[in-house]
Amino acid sequence: MAKRIGIMGGTFDPIHAGHLITAECVRAALGLTTVLFIPAAQPPHKQGRVVTPAQHRYVMTQLAACSNPHFRVSDIELRRQGPSYTIDTVRELQQIYPADTVFYFIIGADAINELATWHEVDALLTLCHFVTATRQGSELDVTGLTARFGAAGMAHIHPVATPQLEISSTAIRERVRAGLSIRYLVPQAVREYIEKEGLYL
């Protein structure tokens, strides 16, 4: 039976409860074998923004994912030079996993509406499926996506309803700087790591 692998990419600066809940809901809904969390080294859409060093983000992601037997963390993008393009990651994963593995890239509805701006997106849509986690205030632009990618492309885009949590990495960083609690917004081990390393101050 072919493996069904979820891919959850992102800056994870820091990883938080929203990421974990979304990943688990999608995993359960689609019967995924594993969800791979892949911290980006150089996010293409965040060029020029100061990002916490990769090693900290990688360790926090490991701490957050380790309690779920279906979650894994990969440093595949951290080991690669240049911008962290998703198509390069998927092509590399295809070399690692058996040929019949099916990949599902998990993404928010707000981000998937900008899919047309992604690097080599037409080729990417032939290599993996996109699972869009619906989120409050971000509706899937079915008309726009269909006009751009057609029926064949839309066959690789799947909405999955997930709990709508208003949690963001930006807000967490701001709360840390303001001296406010982030308890329950991130796993306890991640909160302790942020405090120990003095991140976001």
N, C-alpha and C. Protein backbone atom coordinates (compact mmCIF):
# COMPACT_ATOMS: atom_id res chain seq x y z
N MET A 1 0.84 -1.20 0.00
CA MET A 1 0.00 0.00 0.00
C MET A 1 0.88 1.25 0.00
N ALA A 2 0.58 2.21 -0.87
CA ALA A 2 1.38 3.42 -0.99
C ALA A 2 1.33 4.24 0.29
N LYS A 3 2.46 4.81 0.64
CA LYS A 3 2.51 5.71 1.78
C LYS A 3 1.89 7.04 1.40
N ARG A 4 1.22 7.65 2.35
CA ARG A 4 0.66 8.99 2.17
C ARG A 4 1.37 9.88 3.18
N ILE A 5 2.22 10.77 2.69
CA ILE A 5 3.05 11.59 3.54
C ILE A 5 2.59 13.05 3.50
N GLY A 6 2.30 13.60 4.66
CA GLY A 6 1.99 15.02 4.75
C GLY A 6 3.26 15.83 4.91
N ILE A 7 3.29 17.00 4.31
CA ILE A 7 4.42 17.91 4.44
C ILE A 7 3.89 19.21 5.03
N MET A 8 4.46 19.61 6.14
CA MET A 8 4.09 20.90 6.73
C MET A 8 5.34 21.76 6.79
N GLY A 9 5.45 22.65 5.83
CA GLY A 9 6.60 23.54 5.79
C GLY A 9 6.26 24.86 6.46
N GLY A 10 7.29 25.61 6.77
CA GLY A 10 7.06 26.91 7.38
C GLY A 10 8.31 27.41 8.06
N THR A 11 8.23 28.64 8.51
CA THR A 11 9.36 29.22 9.23
C THR A 11 9.42 28.65 10.65
N PHE A 12 8.24 28.40 11.24
CA PHE A 12 8.14 27.87 12.61
C PHE A 12 8.96 28.73 13.57
N ASP A 13 8.58 30.01 13.63
CA ASP A 13 9.36 30.99 14.40
C ASP A 13 8.49 31.73 15.41
N PRO A 14 7.93 31.01 16.42
CA PRO A 14 8.11 29.59 16.72
C PRO A 14 6.94 28.75 16.22
N ILE A 15 7.11 27.43 16.25
CA ILE A 15 6.00 26.50 16.03
C ILE A 15 5.02 26.66 17.18
N HIS A 16 3.72 26.51 16.90
CA HIS A 16 2.73 26.73 17.96
C HIS A 16 1.59 25.72 17.85
N ALA A 17 0.65 25.83 18.78
CA ALA A 17 -0.45 24.87 18.87
C ALA A 17 -1.27 24.81 17.59
N GLY A 18 -1.41 25.93 16.90
CA GLY A 18 -2.18 25.94 15.65
C GLY A 18 -1.56 25.04 14.60
N HIS A 19 -0.23 25.07 14.48
CA HIS A 19 0.45 24.18 13.53
C HIS A 19 0.17 22.71 13.87
N LEU A 20 0.30 22.39 15.14
CA LEU A 20 0.18 20.99 15.57
C LEU A 20 -1.24 20.46 15.41
N ILE A 21 -2.22 21.28 15.77
CA ILE A 21 -3.61 20.85 15.65
C ILE A 21 -4.00 20.69 14.19
N THR A 22 -3.57 21.62 13.34
CA THR A 22 -3.85 21.52 11.91
C THR A 22 -3.24 20.24 11.33
N ALA A 23 -1.99 19.98 11.67
CA ALA A 23 -1.30 18.79 11.15
C ALA A 23 -2.01 17.51 11.58
N GLU A 24 -2.44 17.44 12.82
CA GLU A 24 -3.09 16.23 13.32
C GLU A 24 -4.48 16.05 12.70
N CYS A 25 -5.21 17.14 12.53
CA CYS A 25 -6.54 17.05 11.91
C CYS A 25 -6.44 16.58 10.46
N VAL A 26 -5.48 17.12 9.72
CA VAL A 26 -5.29 16.72 8.32
C VAL A 26 -4.83 15.27 8.26
N ARG A 27 -3.91 14.90 9.14
CA ARG A 27 -3.42 13.52 9.17
C ARG A 27 -4.57 12.54 9.37
N ALA A 28 -5.44 12.84 10.34
CA ALA A 28 -6.56 11.95 10.63
C ALA A 28 -7.57 11.94 9.49
N ALA A 29 -7.85 13.11 8.92
CA ALA A 29 -8.86 13.20 7.86
C ALA A 29 -8.45 12.46 6.60
N LEU A 30 -7.17 12.48 6.27
CA LEU A 30 -6.70 11.88 5.02
C LEU A 30 -5.99 10.54 5.22
N GLY A 31 -5.89 10.10 6.46
CA GLY A 31 -5.24 8.82 6.72
C GLY A 31 -3.76 8.84 6.35
N LEU A 32 -3.09 9.94 6.68
CA LEU A 32 -1.67 10.06 6.34
C LEU A 32 -0.82 9.16 7.23
N THR A 33 0.20 8.58 6.65
CA THR A 33 1.12 7.73 7.39
C THR A 33 1.94 8.57 8.36
N THR A 34 2.43 9.70 7.87
CA THR A 34 3.34 10.57 8.61
C THR A 34 3.11 12.00 8.18
N VAL A 35 3.34 12.93 9.10
CA VAL A 35 3.42 14.35 8.73
C VAL A 35 4.85 14.80 9.00
N LEU A 36 5.50 15.28 7.95
CA LEU A 36 6.87 15.80 8.06
C LEU A 36 6.82 17.31 8.28
N PHE A 37 7.37 17.76 9.39
CA PHE A 37 7.52 19.20 9.62
C PHE A 37 8.89 19.60 9.07
N ILE A 38 8.90 20.59 8.17
CA ILE A 38 10.14 20.96 7.50
C ILE A 38 10.39 22.46 7.68
N PRO A 39 11.20 22.83 8.67
CA PRO A 39 11.52 24.25 8.84
C PRO A 39 12.28 24.79 7.62
N ALA A 40 11.89 25.96 7.18
CA ALA A 40 12.54 26.58 6.02
C ALA A 40 13.82 27.29 6.45
N ALA A 41 14.85 27.17 5.63
CA ALA A 41 16.10 27.89 5.90
C ALA A 41 15.96 29.35 5.49
N GLN A 42 15.58 29.55 4.23
CA GLN A 42 15.38 30.90 3.68
C GLN A 42 14.01 30.96 3.02
N PRO A 43 12.96 31.31 3.76
CA PRO A 43 11.62 31.35 3.16
C PRO A 43 11.56 32.35 2.01
N PRO A 44 11.21 31.91 0.79
CA PRO A 44 11.21 32.81 -0.37
C PRO A 44 10.27 34.00 -0.21
N HIS A 45 9.15 33.81 0.50
CA HIS A 45 8.17 34.89 0.64
C HIS A 45 8.49 35.81 1.80
N LYS A 46 9.61 35.56 2.50
CA LYS A 46 9.96 36.41 3.64
C LYS A 46 11.38 36.95 3.50
N GLN A 47 11.79 37.18 2.25
CA GLN A 47 13.12 37.72 2.00
C GLN A 47 13.22 39.11 2.65
N GLY A 48 14.33 39.34 3.34
CA GLY A 48 14.53 40.64 3.97
C GLY A 48 14.04 40.70 5.40
N ARG A 49 13.24 39.73 5.82
CA ARG A 49 12.76 39.72 7.19
C ARG A 49 13.76 38.98 8.07
N VAL A 50 14.00 39.50 9.25
CA VAL A 50 14.91 38.84 10.18
C VAL A 50 14.22 37.61 10.76
N VAL A 51 14.84 36.46 10.57
CA VAL A 51 14.28 35.20 11.05
C VAL A 51 15.22 34.62 12.10
N THR A 52 14.67 34.02 13.14
CA THR A 52 15.47 33.39 14.18
C THR A 52 16.38 32.33 13.55
N PRO A 53 17.63 32.21 14.00
CA PRO A 53 18.54 31.22 13.42
C PRO A 53 17.91 29.83 13.30
N ALA A 54 18.24 29.17 12.20
CA ALA A 54 17.60 27.90 11.84
C ALA A 54 17.71 26.84 12.94
N GLN A 55 18.85 26.78 13.61
CA GLN A 55 19.03 25.73 14.61
C GLN A 55 18.01 25.85 15.74
N HIS A 56 17.71 27.07 16.17
CA HIS A 56 16.69 27.26 17.22
C HIS A 56 15.32 26.80 16.73
N ARG A 57 14.98 27.17 15.50
CA ARG A 57 13.66 26.82 14.97
C ARG A 57 13.55 25.31 14.77
N TYR A 58 14.64 24.69 14.38
CA TYR A 58 14.65 23.24 14.20
C TYR A 58 14.46 22.52 15.54
N VAL A 59 15.18 22.96 16.56
CA VAL A 59 15.05 22.33 17.88
C VAL A 59 13.64 22.51 18.44
N MET A 60 13.08 23.72 18.30
CA MET A 60 11.72 23.95 18.80
C MET A 60 10.71 23.05 18.09
N THR A 61 10.90 22.86 16.78
CA THR A 61 10.00 21.99 16.02
C THR A 61 10.12 20.55 16.49
N GLN A 62 11.33 20.10 16.76
CA GLN A 62 11.53 18.75 17.30
C GLN A 62 10.84 18.59 18.65
N LEU A 63 11.01 19.57 19.52
CA LEU A 63 10.40 19.52 20.84
C LEU A 63 8.87 19.45 20.74
N ALA A 64 8.32 20.18 19.77
CA ALA A 64 6.86 20.23 19.62
C ALA A 64 6.30 18.94 19.03
N ALA A 65 7.06 18.31 18.13
CA ALA A 65 6.54 17.16 17.38
C ALA A 65 6.77 15.82 18.05
N CYS A 66 7.68 15.75 18.99
CA CYS A 66 8.16 14.44 19.48
C CYS A 66 7.10 13.63 20.23
N SER A 67 6.05 14.27 20.71
CA SER A 67 5.05 13.52 21.48
C SER A 67 4.04 12.79 20.59
N ASN A 68 4.05 13.07 19.28
CA ASN A 68 3.11 12.43 18.37
C ASN A 68 3.86 11.41 17.51
N PRO A 69 3.51 10.11 17.60
CA PRO A 69 4.24 9.08 16.85
C PRO A 69 4.12 9.21 15.33
N HIS A 70 3.17 10.01 14.86
CA HIS A 70 2.98 10.20 13.42
C HIS A 70 3.73 11.42 12.89
N PHE A 71 4.33 12.19 13.78
CA PHE A 71 5.04 13.40 13.37
C PHE A 71 6.54 13.14 13.28
N ARG A 72 7.17 13.72 12.25
CA ARG A 72 8.61 13.69 12.10
C ARG A 72 9.08 15.10 11.73
N VAL A 73 10.34 15.38 12.03
CA VAL A 73 10.93 16.67 11.66
C VAL A 73 12.10 16.41 10.73
N SER A 74 12.16 17.17 9.64
CA SER A 74 13.23 17.00 8.65
C SER A 74 14.03 18.29 8.53
N ASP A 75 15.35 18.14 8.41
CA ASP A 75 16.22 19.30 8.19
C ASP A 75 16.61 19.43 6.72
N ILE A 76 15.81 18.86 5.84
CA ILE A 76 16.11 18.79 4.41
C ILE A 76 16.35 20.18 3.81
N GLU A 77 15.58 21.18 4.24
CA GLU A 77 15.75 22.53 3.69
C GLU A 77 16.90 23.27 4.38
N LEU A 78 17.18 22.91 5.61
CA LEU A 78 18.27 23.57 6.34
C LEU A 78 19.62 23.16 5.79
N ARG A 79 19.68 21.98 5.16
CA ARG A 79 20.94 21.49 4.60
C ARG A 79 21.16 21.96 3.17
N ARG A 80 20.18 22.63 2.60
CA ARG A 80 20.26 23.05 1.20
C ARG A 80 20.56 24.55 1.10
N GLN A 81 21.41 24.93 0.20
CA GLN A 81 21.75 26.34 0.01
C GLN A 81 20.65 27.04 -0.79
N GLY A 82 20.55 28.35 -0.59
CA GLY A 82 19.61 29.15 -1.37
C GLY A 82 18.21 29.15 -0.79
N PRO A 83 17.27 29.82 -1.49
CA PRO A 83 15.89 29.90 -1.02
C PRO A 83 15.25 28.50 -0.89
N SER A 84 14.35 28.36 0.09
CA SER A 84 13.72 27.06 0.35
C SER A 84 12.47 26.90 -0.51
N TYR A 85 12.68 26.56 -1.78
CA TYR A 85 11.54 26.37 -2.69
C TYR A 85 10.92 24.99 -2.46
N THR A 86 9.60 24.98 -2.39
CA THR A 86 8.88 23.74 -2.11
C THR A 86 9.13 22.68 -3.17
N ILE A 87 9.22 23.09 -4.43
CA ILE A 87 9.40 22.09 -5.48
C ILE A 87 10.73 21.35 -5.33
N ASP A 88 11.77 22.04 -4.87
CA ASP A 88 13.05 21.38 -4.64
C ASP A 88 12.94 20.37 -3.52
N THR A 89 12.17 20.73 -2.50
CA THR A 89 11.97 19.83 -1.35
C THR A 89 11.20 18.59 -1.77
N VAL A 90 10.13 18.76 -2.52
CA VAL A 90 9.32 17.61 -2.95
C VAL A 90 10.15 16.70 -3.85
N ARG A 91 10.92 17.27 -4.76
CA ARG A 91 11.75 16.45 -5.64
C ARG A 91 12.79 15.65 -4.84
N GLU A 92 13.33 16.27 -3.80
CA GLU A 92 14.30 15.57 -2.97
C GLU A 92 13.63 14.45 -2.17
N LEU A 93 12.44 14.72 -1.67
CA LEU A 93 11.70 13.70 -0.93
C LEU A 93 11.34 12.52 -1.83
N GLN A 94 11.06 12.80 -3.10
CA GLN A 94 10.75 11.72 -4.04
C GLN A 94 11.94 10.78 -4.23
N GLN A 95 13.14 11.29 -4.03
CA GLN A 95 14.32 10.45 -4.14
C GLN A 95 14.52 9.59 -2.88
N ILE A 96 13.93 10.04 -1.77
CA ILE A 96 14.12 9.35 -0.49
C ILE A 96 13.06 8.27 -0.28
N TYR A 97 11.82 8.57 -0.65
CA TYR A 97 10.70 7.67 -0.40
C TYR A 97 10.42 6.79 -1.61
N PRO A 98 9.73 5.64 -1.41
CA PRO A 98 9.38 4.77 -2.54
C PRO A 98 8.62 5.52 -3.63
N ALA A 99 8.71 5.03 -4.84
CA ALA A 99 8.15 5.72 -6.00
C ALA A 99 6.64 5.91 -5.93
N ASP A 100 5.95 5.02 -5.20
CA ASP A 100 4.48 5.13 -5.14
C ASP A 100 4.00 6.01 -3.99
N THR A 101 4.90 6.68 -3.28
CA THR A 101 4.50 7.56 -2.18
C THR A 101 3.73 8.76 -2.72
N VAL A 102 2.65 9.11 -2.04
CA VAL A 102 1.85 10.28 -2.41
C VAL A 102 2.08 11.37 -1.36
N PHE A 103 2.42 12.57 -1.82
CA PHE A 103 2.74 13.67 -0.92
C PHE A 103 1.59 14.68 -0.87
N TYR A 104 1.32 15.16 0.35
CA TYR A 104 0.26 16.14 0.58
C TYR A 104 0.87 17.33 1.32
N PHE A 105 0.95 18.47 0.64
CA PHE A 105 1.52 19.66 1.26
C PHE A 105 0.41 20.42 1.97
N ILE A 106 0.56 20.62 3.27
CA ILE A 106 -0.47 21.25 4.10
C ILE A 106 -0.22 22.75 4.15
N ILE A 107 -1.26 23.52 3.83
CA ILE A 107 -1.11 24.97 3.70
C ILE A 107 -2.41 25.66 4.11
N GLY A 108 -2.31 26.88 4.59
CA GLY A 108 -3.50 27.65 4.95
C GLY A 108 -4.21 28.20 3.74
N ALA A 109 -5.51 28.46 3.87
CA ALA A 109 -6.29 28.99 2.74
C ALA A 109 -5.77 30.35 2.29
N ASP A 110 -5.26 31.16 3.22
CA ASP A 110 -4.74 32.46 2.83
C ASP A 110 -3.52 32.31 1.92
N ALA A 111 -2.68 31.31 2.23
CA ALA A 111 -1.46 31.11 1.43
C ALA A 111 -1.77 30.44 0.09
N ILE A 112 -2.73 29.52 0.06
CA ILE A 112 -2.99 28.81 -1.19
C ILE A 112 -3.60 29.73 -2.24
N ASN A 113 -4.26 30.79 -1.79
CA ASN A 113 -4.80 31.75 -2.74
C ASN A 113 -3.69 32.49 -3.48
N GLU A 114 -2.47 32.43 -2.95
CA GLU A 114 -1.31 33.05 -3.60
C GLU A 114 -0.42 32.00 -4.28
N LEU A 115 -0.97 30.81 -4.49
CA LEU A 115 -0.19 29.71 -5.04
C LEU A 115 0.41 30.04 -6.40
N ALA A 116 -0.27 30.87 -7.18
CA ALA A 116 0.22 31.21 -8.52
C ALA A 116 1.57 31.91 -8.48
N THR A 117 1.94 32.48 -7.32
CA THR A 117 3.22 33.20 -7.22
C THR A 117 4.37 32.26 -6.85
N TRP A 118 4.07 30.98 -6.57
CA TRP A 118 5.11 30.05 -6.12
C TRP A 118 6.04 29.64 -7.26
N HIS A 119 7.24 29.29 -6.92
CA HIS A 119 8.27 28.89 -7.88
C HIS A 119 7.89 27.57 -8.56
N GLU A 120 7.85 27.57 -9.90
CA GLU A 120 7.52 26.38 -10.70
C GLU A 120 6.24 25.71 -10.22
N VAL A 121 5.23 26.50 -9.99
CA VAL A 121 4.00 25.98 -9.36
C VAL A 121 3.27 24.96 -10.23
N ASP A 122 3.30 25.12 -11.55
CA ASP A 122 2.58 24.17 -12.40
C ASP A 122 3.20 22.78 -12.30
N ALA A 123 4.52 22.72 -12.30
CA ALA A 123 5.20 21.44 -12.12
C ALA A 123 4.94 20.89 -10.72
N LEU A 124 4.93 21.78 -9.74
CA LEU A 124 4.71 21.36 -8.35
C LEU A 124 3.36 20.67 -8.17
N LEU A 125 2.35 21.19 -8.84
CA LEU A 125 1.01 20.61 -8.72
C LEU A 125 0.90 19.22 -9.33
N THR A 126 1.85 18.87 -10.18
CA THR A 126 1.86 17.50 -10.74
C THR A 126 2.61 16.54 -9.82
N LEU A 127 3.41 17.08 -8.89
CA LEU A 127 4.23 16.24 -8.03
C LEU A 127 3.59 15.94 -6.67
N CYS A 128 2.71 16.84 -6.22
CA CYS A 128 2.09 16.61 -4.91
C CYS A 128 0.70 17.22 -4.88
N HIS A 129 -0.04 16.83 -3.87
CA HIS A 129 -1.36 17.41 -3.60
C HIS A 129 -1.20 18.55 -2.59
N PHE A 130 -2.11 19.49 -2.63
CA PHE A 130 -2.14 20.55 -1.63
C PHE A 130 -3.39 20.38 -0.78
N VAL A 131 -3.20 20.38 0.51
CA VAL A 131 -4.32 20.31 1.45
C VAL A 131 -4.43 21.67 2.10
N THR A 132 -5.54 22.34 1.86
CA THR A 132 -5.71 23.67 2.43
C THR A 132 -6.56 23.60 3.68
N ALA A 133 -5.97 24.00 4.79
CA ALA A 133 -6.66 24.02 6.07
C ALA A 133 -7.46 25.31 6.16
N THR A 134 -8.77 25.19 6.17
CA THR A 134 -9.61 26.38 6.19
C THR A 134 -9.42 27.13 7.49
N ARG A 135 -9.45 28.46 7.39
CA ARG A 135 -9.14 29.32 8.52
C ARG A 135 -10.05 30.52 8.50
N GLN A 136 -10.49 30.95 9.68
CA GLN A 136 -11.42 32.06 9.79
C GLN A 136 -10.85 33.30 9.12
N GLY A 137 -11.66 33.95 8.29
CA GLY A 137 -11.23 35.16 7.61
C GLY A 137 -10.47 34.92 6.32
N SER A 138 -10.23 33.64 5.99
CA SER A 138 -9.50 33.31 4.76
C SER A 138 -10.29 32.27 3.97
N GLU A 139 -11.01 32.74 2.98
CA GLU A 139 -11.82 31.84 2.16
C GLU A 139 -11.02 31.36 0.95
N LEU A 140 -11.25 30.13 0.56
CA LEU A 140 -10.58 29.58 -0.61
C LEU A 140 -11.13 30.24 -1.87
N ASP A 141 -10.24 30.84 -2.67
CA ASP A 141 -10.63 31.51 -3.90
C ASP A 141 -10.74 30.48 -5.02
N VAL A 142 -11.83 29.72 -4.99
CA VAL A 142 -12.02 28.63 -5.95
C VAL A 142 -12.05 29.16 -7.39
N THR A 143 -12.73 30.28 -7.58
CA THR A 143 -12.86 30.84 -8.93
C THR A 143 -11.48 31.23 -9.48
N GLY A 144 -10.71 31.95 -8.68
CA GLY A 144 -9.40 32.39 -9.12
C GLY A 144 -8.44 31.24 -9.34
N LEU A 145 -8.47 30.27 -8.43
CA LEU A 145 -7.58 29.12 -8.56
C LEU A 145 -7.93 28.27 -9.78
N THR A 146 -9.24 28.10 -10.01
CA THR A 146 -9.67 27.31 -11.16
C THR A 146 -9.29 28.00 -12.47
N ALA A 147 -9.42 29.32 -12.50
CA ALA A 147 -9.06 30.07 -13.70
C ALA A 147 -7.57 29.93 -14.00
N ARG A 148 -6.76 29.86 -12.95
CA ARG A 148 -5.31 29.78 -13.14
C ARG A 148 -4.83 28.36 -13.41
N PHE A 149 -5.37 27.38 -12.69
CA PHE A 149 -4.82 26.03 -12.76
C PHE A 149 -5.69 25.01 -13.49
N GLY A 150 -6.96 25.37 -13.74
CA GLY A 150 -7.84 24.46 -14.47
C GLY A 150 -8.28 23.28 -13.62
N ALA A 151 -9.08 22.41 -14.23
CA ALA A 151 -9.65 21.27 -13.51
C ALA A 151 -8.56 20.30 -13.04
N ALA A 152 -7.52 20.12 -13.86
CA ALA A 152 -6.45 19.19 -13.50
C ALA A 152 -5.71 19.66 -12.27
N GLY A 153 -5.44 20.95 -12.20
CA GLY A 153 -4.76 21.51 -11.03
C GLY A 153 -5.64 21.44 -9.80
N MET A 154 -6.92 21.76 -9.96
CA MET A 154 -7.84 21.76 -8.82
C MET A 154 -8.04 20.36 -8.26
N ALA A 155 -7.82 19.33 -9.09
CA ALA A 155 -7.92 17.95 -8.60
C ALA A 155 -6.84 17.64 -7.58
N HIS A 156 -5.82 18.49 -7.51
CA HIS A 156 -4.73 18.30 -6.55
C HIS A 156 -4.82 19.27 -5.38
N ILE A 157 -5.93 19.99 -5.26
CA ILE A 157 -6.14 20.93 -4.15
C ILE A 157 -7.36 20.47 -3.36
N HIS A 158 -7.16 20.21 -2.07
CA HIS A 158 -8.21 19.61 -1.24
C HIS A 158 -8.42 20.43 0.04
N PRO A 159 -9.60 21.04 0.21
CA PRO A 159 -9.88 21.73 1.48
C PRO A 159 -10.21 20.73 2.58
N VAL A 160 -9.69 20.98 3.77
CA VAL A 160 -10.01 20.16 4.95
C VAL A 160 -10.34 21.12 6.09
N ALA A 161 -11.50 20.93 6.69
CA ALA A 161 -11.91 21.79 7.81
C ALA A 161 -11.08 21.45 9.04
N THR A 162 -10.52 22.48 9.65
CA THR A 162 -9.74 22.31 10.88
C THR A 162 -10.22 23.34 11.90
N PRO A 163 -9.99 23.10 13.19
CA PRO A 163 -10.37 24.09 14.20
C PRO A 163 -9.73 25.45 13.89
N GLN A 164 -10.51 26.49 14.08
CA GLN A 164 -10.03 27.83 13.72
C GLN A 164 -9.47 28.50 14.97
N LEU A 165 -8.16 28.46 15.08
CA LEU A 165 -7.48 29.04 16.24
C LEU A 165 -6.76 30.31 15.82
N GLU A 166 -7.03 31.39 16.52
CA GLU A 166 -6.38 32.66 16.19
C GLU A 166 -5.04 32.73 16.92
N ILE A 167 -4.10 31.92 16.44
CA ILE A 167 -2.75 31.91 16.99
C ILE A 167 -1.79 32.15 15.84
N SER A 168 -0.82 33.02 16.05
CA SER A 168 0.20 33.24 15.02
C SER A 168 1.56 33.35 15.67
N SER A 169 2.58 32.99 14.91
CA SER A 169 3.95 33.11 15.41
C SER A 169 4.29 34.57 15.70
N THR A 170 3.79 35.47 14.85
CA THR A 170 4.04 36.90 15.06
C THR A 170 3.50 37.36 16.41
N ALA A 171 2.26 36.96 16.71
CA ALA A 171 1.65 37.35 17.99
C ALA A 171 2.41 36.76 19.17
N ILE A 172 2.90 35.54 19.02
CA ILE A 172 3.65 34.90 20.11
C ILE A 172 4.95 35.67 20.35
N ARG A 173 5.66 36.03 19.29
CA ARG A 173 6.89 36.81 19.46
C ARG A 173 6.61 38.14 20.15
N GLU A 174 5.51 38.76 19.76
CA GLU A 174 5.14 40.05 20.36
C GLU A 174 4.80 39.90 21.84
N ARG A 175 4.14 38.79 22.19
CA ARG A 175 3.80 38.55 23.59
C ARG A 175 5.06 38.33 24.42
N VAL A 176 6.01 37.59 23.87
CA VAL A 176 7.27 37.38 24.60
C VAL A 176 7.97 38.71 24.84
N ARG A 177 8.04 39.55 23.81
CA ARG A 177 8.70 40.86 23.94
C ARG A 177 8.00 41.73 24.97
N ALA A 178 6.67 41.57 25.06
CA ALA A 178 5.88 42.38 26.01
C ALA A 178 5.85 41.78 27.41
N GLY A 179 6.49 40.62 27.59
CA GLY A 179 6.49 39.98 28.90
C GLY A 179 5.19 39.28 29.24
N LEU A 180 4.39 38.95 28.23
CA LEU A 180 3.11 38.29 28.46
C LEU A 180 3.26 36.77 28.35
N SER A 181 2.33 36.04 28.95
CA SER A 181 2.39 34.58 28.95
C SER A 181 2.09 34.00 27.57
N ILE A 182 2.84 32.96 27.21
CA ILE A 182 2.52 32.19 25.99
C ILE A 182 2.17 30.74 26.36
N ARG A 183 1.90 30.52 27.62
CA ARG A 183 1.50 29.18 28.07
C ARG A 183 0.28 28.71 27.28
N TYR A 184 0.31 27.49 26.82
CA TYR A 184 -0.73 26.81 26.03
C TYR A 184 -0.78 27.26 24.56
N LEU A 185 -0.14 28.39 24.23
CA LEU A 185 -0.06 28.78 22.82
C LEU A 185 1.00 27.94 22.11
N VAL A 186 2.01 27.55 22.86
CA VAL A 186 3.06 26.65 22.36
C VAL A 186 3.18 25.50 23.35
N PRO A 187 3.71 24.35 22.93
CA PRO A 187 3.93 23.26 23.88
C PRO A 187 4.87 23.71 25.00
N GLN A 188 4.71 23.10 26.17
CA GLN A 188 5.50 23.51 27.33
C GLN A 188 7.00 23.46 27.05
N ALA A 189 7.45 22.40 26.35
CA ALA A 189 8.89 22.27 26.06
C ALA A 189 9.39 23.41 25.18
N VAL A 190 8.55 23.87 24.27
CA VAL A 190 8.91 24.99 23.40
C VAL A 190 8.97 26.28 24.22
N ARG A 191 8.00 26.47 25.09
CA ARG A 191 8.00 27.67 25.96
C ARG A 191 9.25 27.71 26.82
N GLU A 192 9.61 26.57 27.38
CA GLU A 192 10.80 26.51 28.23
C GLU A 192 12.07 26.78 27.43
N TYR A 193 12.10 26.30 26.19
CA TYR A 193 13.27 26.53 25.33
C TYR A 193 13.40 28.01 25.00
N ILE A 194 12.28 28.65 24.67
CA ILE A 194 12.29 30.09 24.37
C ILE A 194 12.82 30.87 25.55
N GLU A 195 12.36 30.51 26.76
CA GLU A 195 12.82 31.20 27.97
C GLU A 195 14.31 30.95 28.22
N LYS A 196 14.73 29.70 28.06
CA LYS A 196 16.12 29.33 28.33
C LYS A 196 17.08 30.03 27.38
N GLU A 197 16.69 30.13 26.10
CA GLU A 197 17.57 30.72 25.08
C GLU A 197 17.39 32.23 24.95
N GLY A 198 16.42 32.78 25.65
CA GLY A 198 16.20 34.22 25.58
C GLY A 198 15.73 34.70 24.21
N LEU A 199 14.93 33.86 23.54
CA LEU A 199 14.46 34.22 22.20
C LEU A 199 13.36 35.28 22.26
N TYR A 200 13.30 36.09 21.22
CA TYR A 200 12.23 37.06 20.97
C TYR A 200 12.20 38.24 21.93
N LEU A 201 13.23 38.41 22.70
CA LEU A 201 13.26 39.56 23.64
C LEU A 201 13.77 40.82 22.94
